[in-house]
């Protein structure tokens, strides 16, 4: 029976692996068109024309009309909070940099989530209207600045950017910052002559995290929440349907660990634009980001969140904000597990050890289920010779032969006589699967593991083991575990599948996050120990021999005939 369980586990992980390999789409190659056949090293290629205007607003010419209110030189305004270091240029009053102080990049510097090095792409908070000339004025003009802080802010502030020229164009952008948040509110008031204009607010290519990318990590994609449901939009979907109308609780772009979204947009239009970044010299890995814009129906402030997909941070915004974290179908289990992991880490101070301790706790909780499963397997092992004898008597009959049904009748009678439930070994283990998959989803998405060191050579639990030690040990432990399990059948084909499984799992985990490999290794080691304990409790299986069919004394059935005679007659 345990072979069915292992096959079920094997097939389940094949499904997970196939999902990561085929459903999570690889980064597409840059489109080879006349306009981008030879892009420069730092350029980006829009993959659809639906939002071409949004991509061009950053490159139009500077305003020609005389400036009435503005600045004479380009300058940067730095706003630092407890969580963020933001830099806004007065050229267009746009965001040049948004660095997260509590999250570090591969150079151990605050993580930058604004792609500010791409040529021809708009910076966040670029304004877009239906008038290209007006867009050039709004985004290339030098604004005057008021309210800029000289040090890290300790209370909410408003930073005001203003521009006015002789052609009647006036633009005022007001940014509202709070000291302990990843939120910023932006209000754009634009008039051209006597006409008031409500522009779209463009956030350029997002998200800028360039940490290790594998099939286990989510790529940048569109993200919408409306009607109580989360909608995730892959770049290929955005090329078909780039714009969406509605009242969104959040709308923007996210990747595995970070997101930039507009919150509580009200009735508005959200447009997306996939952007392919060509690979650097000597590499074949292109990057696919997504630019988006918000077109509010009213000229009101729009609040943006640009930060980590941390459960506690998002929960402070609202319960629905946590839905941005892609915990999968077992989210109801993942959330308690995440809280448990953080609670354990608060005591041990190391997420690697927290994973190990939580794995042990989980295995203690499901110990009775696994024990019951092994006991059921042992009962199946004890009657295996008798089962084999029944199967041998009917081996020559075709599956369509009505007499073949008598084999099932005999086997069910044997199960009832010996008190064996043929599903008893599977069901207890299957009940643990949601917990196992929930922990899998947790370790694949928890930002707490990003950059978190364990010990020795493992410096990042969200990245794969650089020396592949943990996945190899995991595969070896799984092989050992199979040797300790009760043997309930001798099917050579099944035996080959079982022997192949550890090798397959090892290959699957080579590039998995090291935290996930540690969890699976510890779980295997625990199950091996539990198997030895269970074997000691229930003892060795009794040795049973089954006499040949001709010598067996079988129960009589209707008409005084024995089962053997009945089988021979049929």
Protein backbone atom coordinates (compact mmCIF):
# COMPACT_ATOMS: atom_id res chain seq x y z
CA UNK A 1 0.00 0.00 0.00
CA UNK A 2 2.85 2.36 0.70
CA UNK A 3 3.76 2.19 -2.96
CA UNK A 4 0.44 3.83 -3.80
CA UNK A 5 1.23 6.57 -1.32
CA UNK A 6 4.70 7.15 -2.74
CA UNK A 7 3.35 7.11 -6.28
CA UNK A 8 0.73 9.67 -5.23
CA UNK A 9 3.48 11.87 -3.74
CA UNK A 10 5.60 11.40 -6.84
CA UNK A 11 2.77 12.32 -9.19
CA UNK A 12 1.85 15.31 -7.04
CA UNK A 13 5.33 16.73 -7.28
CA UNK A 14 5.45 15.98 -10.97
CA UNK A 15 2.37 18.21 -11.22
CA UNK A 16 4.12 20.93 -9.17
CA UNK A 17 7.24 20.66 -11.29
CA UNK A 18 5.24 20.76 -14.51
CA UNK A 19 3.36 23.82 -13.25
CA UNK A 20 6.62 25.64 -12.53
CA UNK A 21 8.15 24.55 -15.82
CA UNK A 22 5.22 25.13 -18.18
CA UNK A 23 2.55 27.27 -16.53
CA UNK A 24 5.00 29.81 -15.09
CA UNK A 25 6.04 31.20 -18.41
CA UNK A 26 9.72 31.70 -19.30
CA UNK A 27 10.92 35.12 -20.26
CA UNK A 28 10.10 35.59 -23.95
CA UNK A 29 12.70 36.64 -26.43
CA UNK A 30 12.68 40.25 -27.61
CA UNK A 31 10.49 40.83 -30.63
CA UNK A 32 12.57 41.32 -33.77
CA UNK A 33 10.94 44.17 -35.62
CA UNK A 34 12.36 46.90 -37.77
CA UNK A 35 12.23 49.28 -34.85
CA UNK A 36 14.09 47.07 -32.40
CA UNK A 37 16.16 44.65 -34.43
CA UNK A 38 19.37 45.98 -32.87
CA UNK A 39 18.49 47.53 -29.50
CA UNK A 40 21.17 49.19 -27.41
CA UNK A 41 22.44 47.40 -24.32
CA UNK A 42 20.28 49.39 -21.91
CA UNK A 43 17.17 49.88 -23.99
CA UNK A 44 13.81 48.19 -23.53
CA UNK A 45 11.44 47.03 -26.22
CA UNK A 46 7.67 47.45 -25.75
CA UNK A 47 5.99 44.23 -26.78
CA UNK A 48 2.66 45.82 -27.73
CA UNK A 49 1.56 49.04 -29.30
CA UNK A 50 -1.50 49.48 -27.08
CA UNK A 51 0.29 51.82 -24.71
CA UNK A 52 2.91 53.23 -27.05
CA UNK A 53 1.98 56.74 -25.97
CA UNK A 54 2.79 55.91 -22.37
CA UNK A 55 6.22 54.66 -23.37
CA UNK A 56 7.00 57.76 -25.40
CA UNK A 57 6.15 60.43 -22.84
CA UNK A 58 9.64 60.20 -21.36
CA UNK A 59 11.40 61.08 -24.60
CA UNK A 60 9.48 64.00 -26.07
CA UNK A 61 11.07 67.42 -26.49
CA UNK A 62 11.31 69.99 -23.74
CA UNK A 63 8.68 72.78 -23.62
CA UNK A 64 9.19 75.78 -25.90
CA UNK A 65 6.99 78.38 -24.16
CA UNK A 66 8.53 80.81 -21.68
CA UNK A 67 8.54 79.53 -18.11
CA UNK A 68 6.59 81.62 -15.61
CA UNK A 69 6.92 79.34 -12.59
CA UNK A 70 9.68 76.76 -12.64
CA UNK A 71 13.32 76.09 -11.90
CA UNK A 72 16.39 76.95 -13.90
CA UNK A 73 18.43 73.81 -13.23
CA UNK A 74 17.65 70.14 -12.82
CA UNK A 75 17.90 68.89 -9.26
CA UNK A 76 16.97 65.84 -7.20
CA UNK A 77 14.85 65.87 -4.06
CA UNK A 78 15.62 63.16 -1.51
CA UNK A 79 12.93 62.01 0.90
CA UNK A 80 13.92 59.43 3.50
CA UNK A 81 11.50 57.61 5.77
CA UNK A 82 12.09 54.77 8.18
CA UNK A 83 11.46 52.29 5.37
CA UNK A 84 12.23 54.03 2.08
CA UNK A 85 14.76 56.34 0.41
CA UNK A 86 12.98 58.13 -2.44
CA UNK A 87 14.56 60.43 -5.02
CA UNK A 88 12.33 62.68 -7.15
CA UNK A 89 13.76 64.72 -10.01
CA UNK A 90 12.29 68.16 -10.57
CA UNK A 91 12.35 67.44 -14.32
CA UNK A 92 8.76 66.38 -14.72
CA UNK A 93 8.42 65.81 -10.96
CA UNK A 94 9.01 62.09 -11.49
CA UNK A 95 10.39 59.35 -9.30
CA UNK A 96 13.99 58.38 -10.09
CA UNK A 97 14.63 55.99 -7.24
CA UNK A 98 12.69 54.09 -4.58
CA UNK A 99 14.97 52.02 -2.36
CA UNK A 100 13.79 49.76 0.42
CA UNK A 101 16.03 50.13 3.46
CA UNK A 102 15.06 46.81 5.07
CA UNK A 103 15.61 44.70 1.95
CA UNK A 104 18.99 44.37 0.30
CA UNK A 105 20.03 43.56 -3.26
CA UNK A 106 22.85 41.27 -4.35
CA UNK A 107 25.40 43.99 -3.55
CA UNK A 108 23.96 44.24 -0.01
CA UNK A 109 22.55 47.69 -0.77
CA UNK A 110 18.95 48.86 -0.23
CA UNK A 111 16.79 47.19 -2.87
CA UNK A 112 15.93 49.45 -5.79
CA UNK A 113 12.53 48.75 -7.34
CA UNK A 114 12.52 51.53 -9.95
CA UNK A 115 14.05 50.68 -13.32
CA UNK A 116 15.76 54.02 -13.84
CA UNK A 117 18.51 52.97 -16.25
CA UNK A 118 16.36 52.11 -19.25
CA UNK A 119 16.46 54.41 -22.25
CA UNK A 120 13.16 55.54 -23.69
CA UNK A 121 11.04 54.30 -20.79
CA UNK A 122 8.95 56.51 -18.48
CA UNK A 123 9.84 57.01 -14.86
CA UNK A 124 7.15 56.49 -12.22
CA UNK A 125 4.62 59.30 -11.92
CA UNK A 126 5.07 60.37 -15.51
CA UNK A 127 1.90 62.07 -16.77
CA UNK A 128 0.17 61.02 -19.96
CA UNK A 129 -2.65 62.74 -21.84
CA UNK A 130 -4.05 62.49 -25.35
CA UNK A 131 -1.85 65.46 -26.38
CA UNK A 132 1.77 64.48 -27.12
CA UNK A 133 2.98 68.09 -27.06
CA UNK A 134 1.39 68.67 -23.68
CA UNK A 135 2.97 65.45 -22.41
CA UNK A 136 6.36 66.79 -23.45
CA UNK A 137 5.77 69.95 -21.46
CA UNK A 138 4.51 68.17 -18.36
CA UNK A 139 7.32 65.61 -18.22
CA UNK A 140 10.33 67.62 -19.40
CA UNK A 141 9.71 70.92 -17.59
CA UNK A 142 11.76 71.91 -14.53
CA UNK A 143 9.39 72.30 -11.60
CA UNK A 144 9.92 74.43 -8.52
CA UNK A 145 9.92 72.48 -5.26
CA UNK A 146 8.51 73.37 -1.86
CA UNK A 147 8.23 71.38 1.34
CA UNK A 148 11.27 69.19 0.68
CA UNK A 149 12.75 67.82 3.94
CA UNK A 150 16.41 68.20 4.85
CA UNK A 151 16.58 64.98 6.87
CA UNK A 152 14.65 61.78 7.54
CA UNK A 153 11.03 62.68 8.12
CA UNK A 154 9.42 62.06 11.51
CA UNK A 155 5.87 63.09 10.60
CA UNK A 156 3.72 63.16 7.44
CA UNK A 157 4.78 65.78 4.90
CA UNK A 158 3.66 67.15 1.53
CA UNK A 159 6.26 67.88 -1.15
CA UNK A 160 4.88 70.21 -3.84
CA UNK A 161 6.16 70.55 -7.42
CA UNK A 162 4.80 73.36 -9.61
CA UNK A 163 5.25 74.51 -13.21
CA UNK A 164 3.52 77.23 -15.25
CA UNK A 165 4.39 78.70 -18.64
CA UNK A 166 3.29 81.47 -21.00
CA UNK A 167 1.29 79.03 -23.15
CA UNK A 168 -1.20 78.60 -20.33
CA UNK A 169 0.02 75.19 -19.14
CA UNK A 170 0.01 74.75 -15.37
CA UNK A 171 0.89 71.60 -13.50
CA UNK A 172 1.03 70.97 -9.77
CA UNK A 173 2.11 67.62 -8.36
CA UNK A 174 1.80 67.00 -4.64
CA UNK A 175 3.45 63.98 -2.99
CA UNK A 176 2.32 62.94 0.48
CA UNK A 177 4.78 60.85 2.52
CA UNK A 178 4.40 59.23 5.94
CA UNK A 179 7.39 58.23 8.07
CA UNK A 180 6.71 54.52 8.59
CA UNK A 181 5.11 53.22 5.42
CA UNK A 182 5.73 52.14 1.84
CA UNK A 183 2.86 54.36 0.73
CA UNK A 184 2.96 57.60 -1.20
CA UNK A 185 -0.03 59.62 -2.40
CA UNK A 186 0.23 61.56 -5.67
CA UNK A 187 -2.12 64.27 -6.84
CA UNK A 188 -1.68 65.80 -10.29
CA UNK A 189 -3.58 69.01 -11.14
CA UNK A 190 -3.13 70.01 -14.78
CA UNK A 191 -4.72 72.83 -16.76
CA UNK A 192 -4.11 73.91 -20.31
CA UNK A 193 -5.54 77.39 -20.82
CA UNK A 194 -8.97 77.32 -19.23
CA UNK A 195 -9.31 73.55 -19.66
CA UNK A 196 -8.78 71.23 -16.67
CA UNK A 197 -7.21 67.89 -17.58
CA UNK A 198 -7.15 64.63 -15.66
CA UNK A 199 -3.98 62.86 -16.84
CA UNK A 200 -3.03 59.21 -16.51
CA UNK A 201 -0.29 58.50 -13.98
CA UNK A 202 2.29 56.17 -15.47
CA UNK A 203 4.56 53.86 -13.48
CA UNK A 204 7.29 52.67 -15.81
CA UNK A 205 8.72 49.14 -16.04
CA UNK A 206 8.24 47.26 -12.78
CA UNK A 207 9.31 45.50 -10.65
CA UNK A 208 13.05 46.08 -10.43
CA UNK A 209 14.08 43.10 -8.31
CA UNK A 210 16.81 41.20 -10.14
CA UNK A 211 17.61 38.60 -7.49
CA UNK A 212 17.88 34.96 -8.48
CA UNK A 213 15.16 34.02 -10.96
CA UNK A 214 14.17 30.39 -11.45
CA UNK A 215 11.08 28.35 -12.26
CA UNK A 216 10.30 28.50 -8.55
CA UNK A 217 9.97 32.30 -8.49
CA UNK A 218 7.19 34.39 -9.96
CA UNK A 219 8.07 36.76 -12.81
CA UNK A 220 6.68 40.28 -13.13
CA UNK A 221 3.02 40.28 -14.13
CA UNK A 222 -0.06 42.46 -13.98
CA UNK A 223 -2.07 42.36 -10.77
CA UNK A 224 -5.69 43.41 -10.19
CA UNK A 225 -8.07 43.00 -7.27
CA UNK A 226 -11.73 43.74 -7.78
CA UNK A 227 -14.99 42.06 -6.92
CA UNK A 228 -13.30 40.14 -4.12
CA UNK A 229 -11.02 38.30 -6.55
CA UNK A 230 -7.35 38.55 -7.51
CA UNK A 231 -6.54 38.53 -11.21
CA UNK A 232 -2.97 37.81 -12.30
CA UNK A 233 -2.07 38.78 -15.84
CA UNK A 234 0.93 37.24 -17.59
CA UNK A 235 2.72 39.37 -20.21
CA UNK A 236 1.21 37.32 -23.05
CA UNK A 237 -2.27 38.04 -21.67
CA UNK A 238 -1.51 41.76 -21.57
CA UNK A 239 -0.61 41.84 -25.24
CA UNK A 240 -4.16 40.65 -26.01
CA UNK A 241 -6.05 42.76 -23.45
CA UNK A 242 -3.90 45.66 -22.20
CA UNK A 243 -6.61 47.80 -20.55
CA UNK A 244 -9.11 47.14 -17.76
CA UNK A 245 -11.87 49.33 -16.32
CA UNK A 246 -13.24 49.06 -12.82
CA UNK A 247 -13.08 50.04 -9.18
CA UNK A 248 -9.91 48.27 -8.05
CA UNK A 249 -8.78 47.81 -4.47
CA UNK A 250 -5.28 47.44 -5.88
CA UNK A 251 -3.94 47.47 -9.42
CA UNK A 252 -0.36 47.33 -10.64
CA UNK A 253 2.54 44.93 -11.07
CA UNK A 254 4.16 42.37 -8.79
CA UNK A 255 6.82 39.70 -8.86
CA UNK A 256 7.76 37.03 -6.34
CA UNK A 257 8.64 39.37 -3.47
CA UNK A 258 7.75 43.00 -4.35
CA UNK A 259 4.97 44.97 -5.94
CA UNK A 260 4.01 48.48 -6.99
CA UNK A 261 0.26 49.07 -7.07
CA UNK A 262 -2.26 51.86 -6.91
CA UNK A 263 -4.67 51.44 -4.00
CA UNK A 264 -8.40 52.12 -3.89
CA UNK A 265 -8.36 53.59 -7.38
CA UNK A 266 -12.08 54.28 -7.53
CA UNK A 267 -13.63 53.98 -10.96
CA UNK A 268 -10.58 54.11 -13.22
CA UNK A 269 -8.85 52.61 -16.22
CA UNK A 270 -5.69 50.56 -15.78
CA UNK A 271 -3.45 49.93 -18.80
CA UNK A 272 -0.48 47.57 -18.98
CA UNK A 273 2.50 47.42 -21.30
CA UNK A 274 4.90 44.43 -21.32
CA UNK A 275 8.51 45.53 -21.77
CA UNK A 276 11.29 43.15 -22.77
CA UNK A 277 14.78 44.05 -21.60
CA UNK A 278 17.42 42.52 -23.89
CA UNK A 279 20.01 40.35 -22.13
CA UNK A 280 23.44 41.78 -21.31
CA UNK A 281 26.45 40.82 -23.40
CA UNK A 282 27.36 37.17 -23.01
CA UNK A 283 23.94 36.17 -21.65
CA UNK A 284 20.81 34.72 -23.23
CA UNK A 285 18.46 35.61 -20.38
CA UNK A 286 16.19 38.50 -21.30
CA UNK A 287 13.99 40.08 -18.65
CA UNK A 288 10.30 40.75 -18.97
CA UNK A 289 8.87 43.63 -16.94
CA UNK A 290 5.49 45.33 -17.07
CA UNK A 291 4.72 49.05 -17.22
CA UNK A 292 1.31 50.28 -16.14
CA UNK A 293 -0.71 53.46 -15.89
CA UNK A 294 -3.74 54.60 -13.91
CA UNK A 295 -6.31 56.90 -15.48
CA UNK A 296 -8.58 58.10 -12.66
CA UNK A 297 -12.02 59.39 -13.58
CA UNK A 298 -11.65 62.28 -11.14
CA UNK A 299 -8.74 64.60 -10.40
CA UNK A 300 -8.03 63.17 -6.96
CA UNK A 301 -4.96 61.90 -5.17
CA UNK A 302 -3.93 58.35 -6.04
CA UNK A 303 -2.25 56.32 -3.33
CA UNK A 304 0.55 53.98 -4.37
CA UNK A 305 2.19 51.12 -2.50
CA UNK A 306 5.73 50.27 -3.57
CA UNK A 307 7.28 47.72 -1.27
CA UNK A 308 7.57 44.14 -0.07
CA UNK A 309 4.88 41.50 -0.20
CA UNK A 310 5.22 41.04 3.53
CA UNK A 311 2.07 39.65 5.13
CA UNK A 312 2.15 41.97 8.17
CA UNK A 313 2.93 45.04 6.06
CA UNK A 314 0.04 44.32 3.70
CA UNK A 315 -2.33 43.38 6.52
CA UNK A 316 -1.80 46.87 7.95
CA UNK A 317 -3.26 48.28 4.71
CA UNK A 318 -6.27 45.99 4.81
CA UNK A 319 -7.13 42.28 4.98
CA UNK A 320 -7.66 42.09 1.23
CA UNK A 321 -4.19 43.50 0.56
CA UNK A 322 -2.63 40.22 1.72
CA UNK A 323 -4.30 38.54 -1.26
CA UNK A 324 -1.50 39.99 -3.38
CA UNK A 325 0.77 37.26 -2.00
CA UNK A 326 0.33 34.23 -4.23
CA UNK A 327 -0.07 31.53 -1.57
CA UNK A 328 -2.02 29.30 -3.94
CA UNK A 329 -5.03 27.10 -3.25
CA UNK A 330 -3.97 26.28 0.32
CA UNK A 331 -3.75 29.89 1.50
CA UNK A 332 -6.02 29.12 4.47
CA UNK A 333 -3.27 26.80 5.76
CA UNK A 334 -0.30 28.86 4.57
CA UNK A 335 -1.17 31.92 6.65
CA UNK A 336 -1.08 30.08 10.02
CA UNK A 337 2.13 28.35 8.94
CA UNK A 338 3.71 31.70 8.08
CA UNK A 339 2.75 33.13 11.45
CA UNK A 340 4.15 30.02 13.12
CA UNK A 341 7.41 30.30 11.19
CA UNK A 342 7.83 33.95 12.22
CA UNK A 343 6.97 33.06 15.82
CA UNK A 344 9.61 30.33 15.94
CA UNK A 345 12.14 32.66 14.30
CA UNK A 346 11.48 35.28 17.01
CA UNK A 347 13.05 32.82 19.46
CA UNK A 348 15.86 31.25 17.41
CA UNK A 349 16.80 34.28 15.29
CA UNK A 350 17.59 32.22 12.19
CA UNK A 351 15.05 31.25 9.56
CA UNK A 352 17.00 28.11 8.64
CA UNK A 353 16.65 26.76 12.17
CA UNK A 354 13.09 28.06 12.30
CA UNK A 355 12.26 25.92 9.22
CA UNK A 356 13.83 22.87 10.89
CA UNK A 357 11.98 23.36 14.18
CA UNK A 358 8.65 24.05 12.47
CA UNK A 359 9.14 20.94 10.31
CA UNK A 360 9.65 18.88 13.47
CA UNK A 361 6.55 20.41 15.06
CA UNK A 362 4.47 19.64 11.97
CA UNK A 363 5.71 16.06 11.88
CA UNK A 364 4.88 15.63 15.57
CA UNK A 365 1.34 16.81 14.86
CA UNK A 366 0.85 14.37 11.99
CA UNK A 367 2.68 11.52 13.78
CA UNK A 368 -0.60 9.67 14.60
CA UNK A 369 -1.75 9.75 10.99
CA UNK A 370 1.55 8.38 9.71
CA UNK A 371 1.64 5.76 12.46
CA UNK A 372 -1.86 4.61 11.54
CA UNK A 373 -0.84 4.46 7.89
CA UNK A 374 2.21 2.29 8.63
CA UNK A 375 0.19 -0.05 10.84
CA UNK A 376 -2.30 -0.50 7.99
CA UNK A 377 0.55 -1.14 5.58
CA UNK A 378 1.94 -3.78 7.94
CA UNK A 379 -1.41 -5.58 7.97
CA UNK A 380 -1.40 -5.53 4.21
CA UNK A 381 2.12 -6.91 4.24
CA UNK A 382 1.06 -9.79 6.47
CA UNK A 383 -1.66 -10.97 4.11
CA UNK A 384 0.35 -10.36 0.95
CA UNK A 385 1.13 -14.07 0.36
CA UNK A 386 -2.59 -14.89 0.54
CA UNK A 387 -3.43 -12.01 -1.77
CA UNK A 388 -0.79 -13.24 -4.18
CA UNK A 389 -2.22 -16.76 -4.09
CA UNK A 390 -5.70 -15.49 -4.96
CA UNK A 391 -4.29 -13.36 -7.79
CA UNK A 392 -2.32 -16.34 -9.18
CA UNK A 393 -5.45 -18.52 -9.36
CA UNK A 394 -7.16 -15.99 -11.61
CA UNK A 395 -4.07 -14.80 -13.46
CA UNK A 396 -4.98 -16.54 -16.73
CA UNK A 397 -8.44 -15.02 -16.94
CA UNK A 398 -9.04 -11.91 -18.99
CA UNK A 399 -10.11 -8.72 -17.24
CA UNK A 400 -13.43 -8.85 -19.16
CA UNK A 401 -14.18 -12.44 -18.02
CA UNK A 402 -17.12 -12.39 -15.55
CA UNK A 403 -15.30 -15.02 -13.49
CA UNK A 404 -12.58 -12.45 -12.86
CA UNK A 405 -14.98 -10.68 -10.52
CA UNK A 406 -14.74 -13.65 -8.16
CA UNK A 407 -11.15 -12.68 -7.47
CA UNK A 408 -12.29 -9.33 -6.09
CA UNK A 409 -14.96 -11.08 -4.03
CA UNK A 410 -12.38 -13.41 -2.50
CA UNK A 411 -9.98 -10.56 -1.79
CA UNK A 412 -12.65 -8.45 -0.10
CA UNK A 413 -13.65 -11.48 2.00
CA UNK A 414 -10.00 -11.89 2.98
CA UNK A 415 -9.72 -8.20 3.92
CA UNK A 416 -12.86 -8.49 6.05
CA UNK A 417 -11.71 -11.68 7.72
CA UNK A 418 -8.32 -10.21 8.63
CA UNK A 419 -9.64 -6.74 9.52
CA UNK A 420 -7.64 -4.94 6.83
CA UNK A 421 -8.72 -1.75 5.08
CA UNK A 422 -6.99 -1.61 1.66
CA UNK A 423 -7.21 2.19 1.71
CA UNK A 424 -6.01 2.45 5.30
CA UNK A 425 -2.43 3.07 4.27
CA UNK A 426 -3.30 5.83 1.79
CA UNK A 427 -5.99 7.93 3.42
CA UNK A 428 -4.05 9.02 6.54
CA UNK A 429 -1.11 10.09 4.38
CA UNK A 430 -3.34 11.84 1.85
CA UNK A 431 -4.82 13.88 4.68
CA UNK A 432 -1.36 15.35 5.30
CA UNK A 433 -0.89 16.47 1.69
CA UNK A 434 -2.58 19.89 2.07
CA UNK A 435 -0.22 20.67 4.93
CA UNK A 436 2.80 19.55 2.92
CA UNK A 437 1.83 21.59 -0.14
CA UNK A 438 0.96 24.59 2.02
CA UNK A 439 4.46 24.54 3.52
CA UNK A 440 5.84 24.20 -0.01
CA UNK A 441 3.91 27.32 -1.09
CA UNK A 442 5.03 29.18 2.02
CA UNK A 443 8.73 28.54 1.49
CA UNK A 444 8.44 29.50 -2.20
CA UNK A 445 6.79 32.88 -1.57
CA UNK A 446 7.74 34.12 1.92
CA UNK A 447 9.79 37.30 1.59
CA UNK A 448 11.18 36.61 5.05
CA UNK A 449 13.47 34.01 3.46
CA UNK A 450 14.79 36.39 0.80
CA UNK A 451 18.44 36.98 1.62
CA UNK A 452 18.08 35.18 4.97
CA UNK A 453 21.24 33.19 5.77
CA UNK A 454 21.32 29.78 7.41
CA UNK A 455 24.85 28.59 8.11
CA UNK A 456 28.04 27.51 6.37
CA UNK A 457 27.66 27.91 2.59
CA UNK A 458 23.92 28.73 2.57
CA UNK A 459 23.69 32.52 2.61
CA UNK A 460 20.21 32.91 1.10
CA UNK A 461 17.36 30.53 1.90
CA UNK A 462 15.37 31.79 -1.09
CA UNK A 463 18.18 30.81 -3.53
CA UNK A 464 19.26 27.32 -4.49
CA UNK A 465 22.05 25.56 -2.61
CA UNK A 466 25.21 26.72 -4.48
CA UNK A 467 26.93 23.36 -3.91
CA UNK A 468 23.77 21.22 -4.22
CA UNK A 469 24.51 19.49 -0.92
CA UNK A 470 21.01 19.68 0.57
CA UNK A 471 19.16 18.33 -2.50
CA UNK A 472 21.60 15.42 -2.78
CA UNK A 473 21.19 14.61 0.91
CA UNK A 474 17.45 14.94 0.46
CA UNK A 475 17.49 12.38 -2.36
CA UNK A 476 19.66 9.99 -0.33
CA UNK A 477 17.35 10.29 2.66
CA UNK A 478 14.34 9.54 0.47
CA UNK A 479 16.04 6.40 -0.85
CA UNK A 480 16.78 5.32 2.74
CA UNK A 481 13.19 6.05 3.69
CA UNK A 482 11.90 3.70 0.99
CA UNK A 483 14.07 0.90 2.35
CA UNK A 484 12.47 1.24 5.79
CA UNK A 485 8.86 1.17 4.58
CA UNK A 486 6.79 -2.05 4.78
CA UNK A 487 6.84 -3.97 1.51
CA UNK A 488 3.30 -4.87 0.48
CA UNK A 489 3.90 -6.00 -3.08
CA UNK A 490 6.56 -7.37 -5.38
CA UNK A 491 5.56 -5.80 -8.69
CA UNK A 492 8.91 -5.23 -10.49
CA UNK A 493 7.54 -2.26 -12.43
CA UNK A 494 6.49 -0.54 -9.21
CA UNK A 495 9.86 -1.31 -7.66
CA UNK A 496 11.63 0.40 -10.55
CA UNK A 497 9.40 3.46 -10.22
CA UNK A 498 10.11 3.62 -6.49
CA UNK A 499 13.86 3.38 -7.05
CA UNK A 500 13.70 6.14 -9.66
CA UNK A 501 11.75 8.55 -7.42
CA UNK A 502 14.67 9.69 -5.20
CA UNK A 503 16.72 10.49 -8.29
CA UNK A 504 13.83 12.43 -9.81
CA UNK A 505 13.24 14.37 -6.60
CA UNK A 506 16.94 15.19 -6.35
CA UNK A 507 16.92 16.64 -9.85
CA UNK A 508 13.75 18.63 -9.12
CA UNK A 509 15.26 20.17 -5.99
CA UNK A 510 18.67 21.10 -7.44
CA UNK A 511 17.47 24.64 -8.26
CA UNK A 512 14.73 24.85 -5.65
CA UNK A 513 15.10 27.40 -2.83
CA UNK A 514 17.49 25.96 -0.26
CA UNK A 515 14.91 26.57 2.48
CA UNK A 516 12.56 24.20 0.65
CA UNK A 517 15.27 21.55 0.28
CA UNK A 518 16.09 21.83 4.00
CA UNK A 519 12.44 21.34 4.89
CA UNK A 520 12.13 18.23 2.72
CA UNK A 521 15.42 16.78 4.01
CA UNK A 522 14.43 17.23 7.66
CA UNK A 523 10.98 15.79 6.97
CA UNK A 524 12.53 12.70 5.36
CA UNK A 525 14.94 12.17 8.25
CA UNK A 526 12.08 12.51 10.73
CA UNK A 527 9.97 9.96 8.84
CA UNK A 528 12.89 7.53 8.79
CA UNK A 529 13.21 7.84 12.56
CA UNK A 530 9.44 7.50 12.97
CA UNK A 531 9.47 4.37 10.85
CA UNK A 532 12.05 2.75 13.11
CA UNK A 533 10.01 3.72 16.18
CA UNK A 534 6.83 2.32 14.65
CA UNK A 535 8.59 -0.90 13.68
CA UNK A 536 9.79 -1.30 17.26
CA UNK A 537 6.25 -0.74 18.57
CA UNK A 538 4.42 -3.14 16.27
CA UNK A 539 7.27 -5.68 15.99
CA UNK A 540 8.37 -7.75 13.04
CA UNK A 541 5.68 -9.05 10.68
CA UNK A 542 4.81 -12.73 11.22
CA UNK A 543 5.97 -15.15 8.56
CA UNK A 544 3.07 -16.72 6.73
CA UNK A 545 3.13 -19.43 4.11
CA UNK A 546 0.30 -20.24 1.79
CA UNK A 547 -0.20 -23.80 0.61
CA UNK A 548 -0.82 -24.45 -3.08
CA UNK A 549 -4.40 -23.96 -4.18
CA UNK A 550 -5.01 -27.72 -4.56
CA UNK A 551 -4.13 -28.32 -0.91
CA UNK A 552 -6.04 -25.43 0.61
CA UNK A 553 -9.23 -26.06 2.48
CA UNK A 554 -11.59 -23.49 1.10
CA UNK A 555 -14.96 -22.40 2.34
CA UNK A 556 -17.94 -23.94 0.62
CA UNK A 557 -20.26 -21.79 -1.42
CA UNK A 558 -23.86 -22.36 -2.64
CA UNK A 559 -24.61 -25.81 -4.13
CA UNK A 560 -21.90 -27.55 -2.07
CA UNK A 561 -19.12 -26.64 -4.48
CA UNK A 562 -15.80 -25.33 -3.29
CA UNK A 563 -14.34 -22.09 -4.58
CA UNK A 564 -11.56 -24.07 -6.26
CA UNK A 565 -14.05 -26.28 -8.12
CA UNK A 566 -16.06 -23.24 -9.05
CA UNK A 567 -12.94 -21.56 -10.40
CA UNK A 568 -11.96 -24.65 -12.41
CA UNK A 569 -15.41 -24.88 -13.92
CA UNK A 570 -15.34 -21.26 -15.01
